[in-house]
N, C-alpha and C. Protein backbone atom coordinates (compact mmCIF):
# COMPACT_ATOMS: atom_id res chain seq x y z
N MET A 1 14.92 35.29 -15.91
CA MET A 1 14.70 34.57 -14.81
C MET A 1 15.17 33.06 -15.09
N ALA A 2 16.23 32.62 -14.30
CA ALA A 2 16.62 31.32 -14.52
C ALA A 2 15.77 30.25 -14.01
N SER A 3 15.67 29.16 -14.68
CA SER A 3 15.06 27.92 -14.22
C SER A 3 15.76 26.99 -13.22
N SER A 4 15.18 26.74 -12.07
CA SER A 4 15.68 25.93 -11.13
C SER A 4 15.16 24.39 -11.18
N ASN A 5 15.78 23.53 -10.85
CA ASN A 5 15.46 22.17 -10.75
C ASN A 5 15.43 21.55 -9.36
N ASN A 6 15.35 22.25 -8.38
CA ASN A 6 15.40 21.91 -7.01
C ASN A 6 14.19 21.01 -6.59
N ALA A 7 13.08 21.07 -7.28
CA ALA A 7 12.01 20.18 -7.02
C ALA A 7 12.11 18.67 -7.14
N ALA A 8 12.86 18.44 -8.17
CA ALA A 8 13.37 17.01 -8.31
C ALA A 8 14.22 16.57 -7.07
N ALA A 9 15.09 17.35 -6.72
CA ALA A 9 15.96 16.68 -5.64
C ALA A 9 15.12 16.78 -4.38
N GLY A 10 14.07 17.48 -4.04
CA GLY A 10 13.24 17.37 -3.00
C GLY A 10 12.36 16.00 -2.92
N GLY A 11 11.90 15.67 -4.22
CA GLY A 11 10.98 14.71 -4.35
C GLY A 11 12.04 13.13 -4.05
N ALA A 12 13.19 13.21 -4.47
CA ALA A 12 13.96 12.29 -4.32
C ALA A 12 14.22 12.07 -2.58
N GLY A 13 14.45 13.32 -1.86
CA GLY A 13 14.52 13.33 -0.66
C GLY A 13 13.38 12.52 0.18
N ALA A 14 12.35 13.01 -0.26
CA ALA A 14 10.93 12.46 0.43
C ALA A 14 10.90 10.93 0.11
N VAL A 15 11.32 10.53 -0.95
CA VAL A 15 11.09 8.99 -1.20
C VAL A 15 12.16 8.30 -0.46
N TYR A 16 13.40 8.94 -0.34
CA TYR A 16 14.45 8.24 0.48
C TYR A 16 14.11 8.20 1.91
N GLY A 17 13.38 9.32 2.44
CA GLY A 17 12.96 9.54 3.62
C GLY A 17 11.80 8.47 4.11
N MET A 18 10.84 8.26 3.03
CA MET A 18 9.86 7.29 3.51
C MET A 18 10.47 5.78 3.24
N GLY A 19 11.43 5.38 2.43
CA GLY A 19 12.20 4.31 2.48
C GLY A 19 12.94 4.03 3.74
N PHE A 20 13.52 4.92 4.19
CA PHE A 20 14.31 4.86 5.54
C PHE A 20 13.41 4.67 6.60
N ILE A 21 12.39 5.13 6.70
CA ILE A 21 11.25 4.89 7.80
C ILE A 21 10.73 3.56 7.87
N GLY A 22 10.35 3.04 6.51
CA GLY A 22 10.01 1.69 6.19
C GLY A 22 11.00 0.64 6.68
N ALA A 23 12.32 1.08 6.23
CA ALA A 23 13.61 -0.10 6.61
C ALA A 23 13.67 0.03 8.12
N VAL A 24 13.61 1.13 8.71
CA VAL A 24 13.79 0.95 10.26
C VAL A 24 12.68 0.23 10.95
N VAL A 25 11.54 0.40 10.47
CA VAL A 25 10.19 -0.40 11.15
C VAL A 25 10.65 -2.01 10.84
N TRP A 26 10.97 -2.25 9.69
CA TRP A 26 11.22 -3.59 9.19
C TRP A 26 12.32 -4.27 10.09
N ASN A 27 13.60 -3.40 9.98
CA ASN A 27 14.75 -4.11 10.71
C ASN A 27 14.49 -3.88 12.48
N TRP A 28 13.59 -3.18 12.94
CA TRP A 28 13.33 -2.97 14.39
C TRP A 28 12.47 -4.47 14.53
N GLN A 29 11.51 -4.71 13.75
CA GLN A 29 10.82 -5.90 13.98
C GLN A 29 11.60 -7.16 13.83
N GLN A 30 12.50 -7.16 13.00
CA GLN A 30 13.53 -8.51 12.86
C GLN A 30 14.48 -8.58 13.91
N ALA A 31 14.79 -7.56 14.55
CA ALA A 31 15.92 -7.52 15.79
C ALA A 31 15.51 -8.46 16.90
N GLU A 32 16.42 -9.32 17.17
CA GLU A 32 16.25 -10.40 18.45
C GLU A 32 17.17 -10.10 19.55
N THR A 33 17.95 -9.25 19.50
CA THR A 33 18.90 -8.98 20.63
C THR A 33 18.91 -7.46 20.87
N PHE A 34 19.64 -7.03 21.97
CA PHE A 34 19.75 -5.63 22.08
C PHE A 34 20.54 -4.75 21.12
N TRP A 35 21.58 -5.45 20.48
CA TRP A 35 22.68 -4.89 19.69
C TRP A 35 22.01 -4.91 18.14
N GLY A 36 20.78 -5.69 17.92
CA GLY A 36 20.08 -5.85 16.79
C GLY A 36 19.28 -4.63 16.40
N TYR A 37 19.03 -3.94 17.46
CA TYR A 37 18.34 -2.78 17.17
C TYR A 37 19.15 -1.40 16.77
N PRO A 38 20.08 -1.16 17.43
CA PRO A 38 21.14 -0.17 16.75
C PRO A 38 21.46 -0.49 15.43
N TRP A 39 22.02 -1.83 15.26
CA TRP A 39 22.33 -2.29 13.82
C TRP A 39 21.16 -2.00 12.86
N GLY A 40 20.07 -2.49 13.19
CA GLY A 40 18.95 -2.18 12.14
C GLY A 40 18.67 -0.76 11.74
N VAL A 41 18.84 0.20 12.80
CA VAL A 41 18.86 1.64 12.38
C VAL A 41 20.08 1.80 11.38
N ILE A 42 21.27 1.42 11.84
CA ILE A 42 22.39 1.72 10.91
C ILE A 42 22.13 1.32 9.37
N GLU A 43 21.65 -0.11 9.53
CA GLU A 43 21.39 -0.85 8.11
C GLU A 43 20.35 -0.12 7.44
N SER A 44 19.36 0.50 7.92
CA SER A 44 18.37 1.22 7.52
C SER A 44 18.85 2.53 6.64
N PHE A 45 19.93 3.18 7.36
CA PHE A 45 20.46 4.42 6.71
C PHE A 45 21.16 4.10 5.40
N PHE A 46 21.69 2.89 5.40
CA PHE A 46 22.63 2.51 4.12
C PHE A 46 21.90 1.48 3.23
N TRP A 47 20.53 1.31 3.42
CA TRP A 47 19.69 0.21 2.78
C TRP A 47 19.94 0.44 1.24
N PRO A 48 19.95 1.61 0.59
CA PRO A 48 20.18 1.81 -0.80
C PRO A 48 21.44 1.26 -1.28
N GLY A 49 22.56 1.36 -0.44
CA GLY A 49 23.79 0.78 -0.82
C GLY A 49 23.81 -0.76 -0.88
N PHE A 50 23.03 -1.28 0.02
CA PHE A 50 22.98 -2.76 0.13
C PHE A 50 22.13 -3.26 -0.87
N LEU A 51 21.13 -2.62 -1.28
CA LEU A 51 20.14 -2.97 -2.46
C LEU A 51 20.90 -2.93 -3.88
N VAL A 52 21.92 -2.03 -3.99
CA VAL A 52 22.42 -1.93 -5.17
C VAL A 52 23.61 -2.97 -5.29
N TRP A 53 24.23 -3.14 -4.05
CA TRP A 53 25.13 -4.24 -4.00
C TRP A 53 24.80 -5.73 -4.43
N GLU A 54 23.42 -5.97 -3.93
CA GLU A 54 22.80 -7.15 -4.12
C GLU A 54 22.33 -7.36 -5.67
N LEU A 55 21.90 -6.15 -6.20
CA LEU A 55 21.43 -6.16 -7.51
C LEU A 55 22.70 -6.43 -8.50
N PHE A 56 23.83 -5.70 -8.21
CA PHE A 56 24.94 -6.08 -8.97
C PHE A 56 25.58 -7.41 -8.81
N ARG A 57 25.39 -7.89 -7.53
CA ARG A 57 25.86 -9.58 -7.44
C ARG A 57 25.10 -10.33 -8.14
N GLY A 58 23.56 -10.06 -8.10
CA GLY A 58 22.63 -11.04 -8.84
C GLY A 58 23.05 -10.92 -10.25
N MET A 59 23.32 -9.68 -10.94
CA MET A 59 23.56 -9.48 -12.27
C MET A 59 24.81 -10.19 -12.75
N SER A 60 25.80 -10.28 -11.79
CA SER A 60 27.09 -10.90 -12.13
C SER A 60 26.81 -12.51 -12.20
N ALA A 61 26.04 -12.87 -11.18
CA ALA A 61 25.84 -14.31 -11.34
C ALA A 61 24.99 -14.69 -12.63
N ILE A 62 24.21 -13.91 -13.09
CA ILE A 62 23.42 -14.34 -14.30
C ILE A 62 24.39 -14.07 -15.48
N ALA A 63 25.18 -13.27 -15.41
CA ALA A 63 26.27 -13.02 -16.54
C ALA A 63 27.34 -14.04 -16.55
N GLY A 64 27.50 -14.94 -15.44
CA GLY A 64 28.33 -15.94 -15.46
C GLY A 64 29.82 -15.55 -14.86
N GLY A 65 29.68 -14.28 -14.30
CA GLY A 65 30.97 -13.70 -13.86
C GLY A 65 31.17 -14.09 -12.54
């Protein structure tokens, strides 16, 4: 019987889903115009990419690059 590691993938999906819901709530509260609401949902979907981008940008500034 082969061992499967699908449980780890399911856990990561749950964490991403909770983060997505939290980001939607946060961005929804920050919206001030009609188009701010749809943009907030789109931004919430891609929040991990924005987070990593800002992390790398900050690391670059610290390194002096």
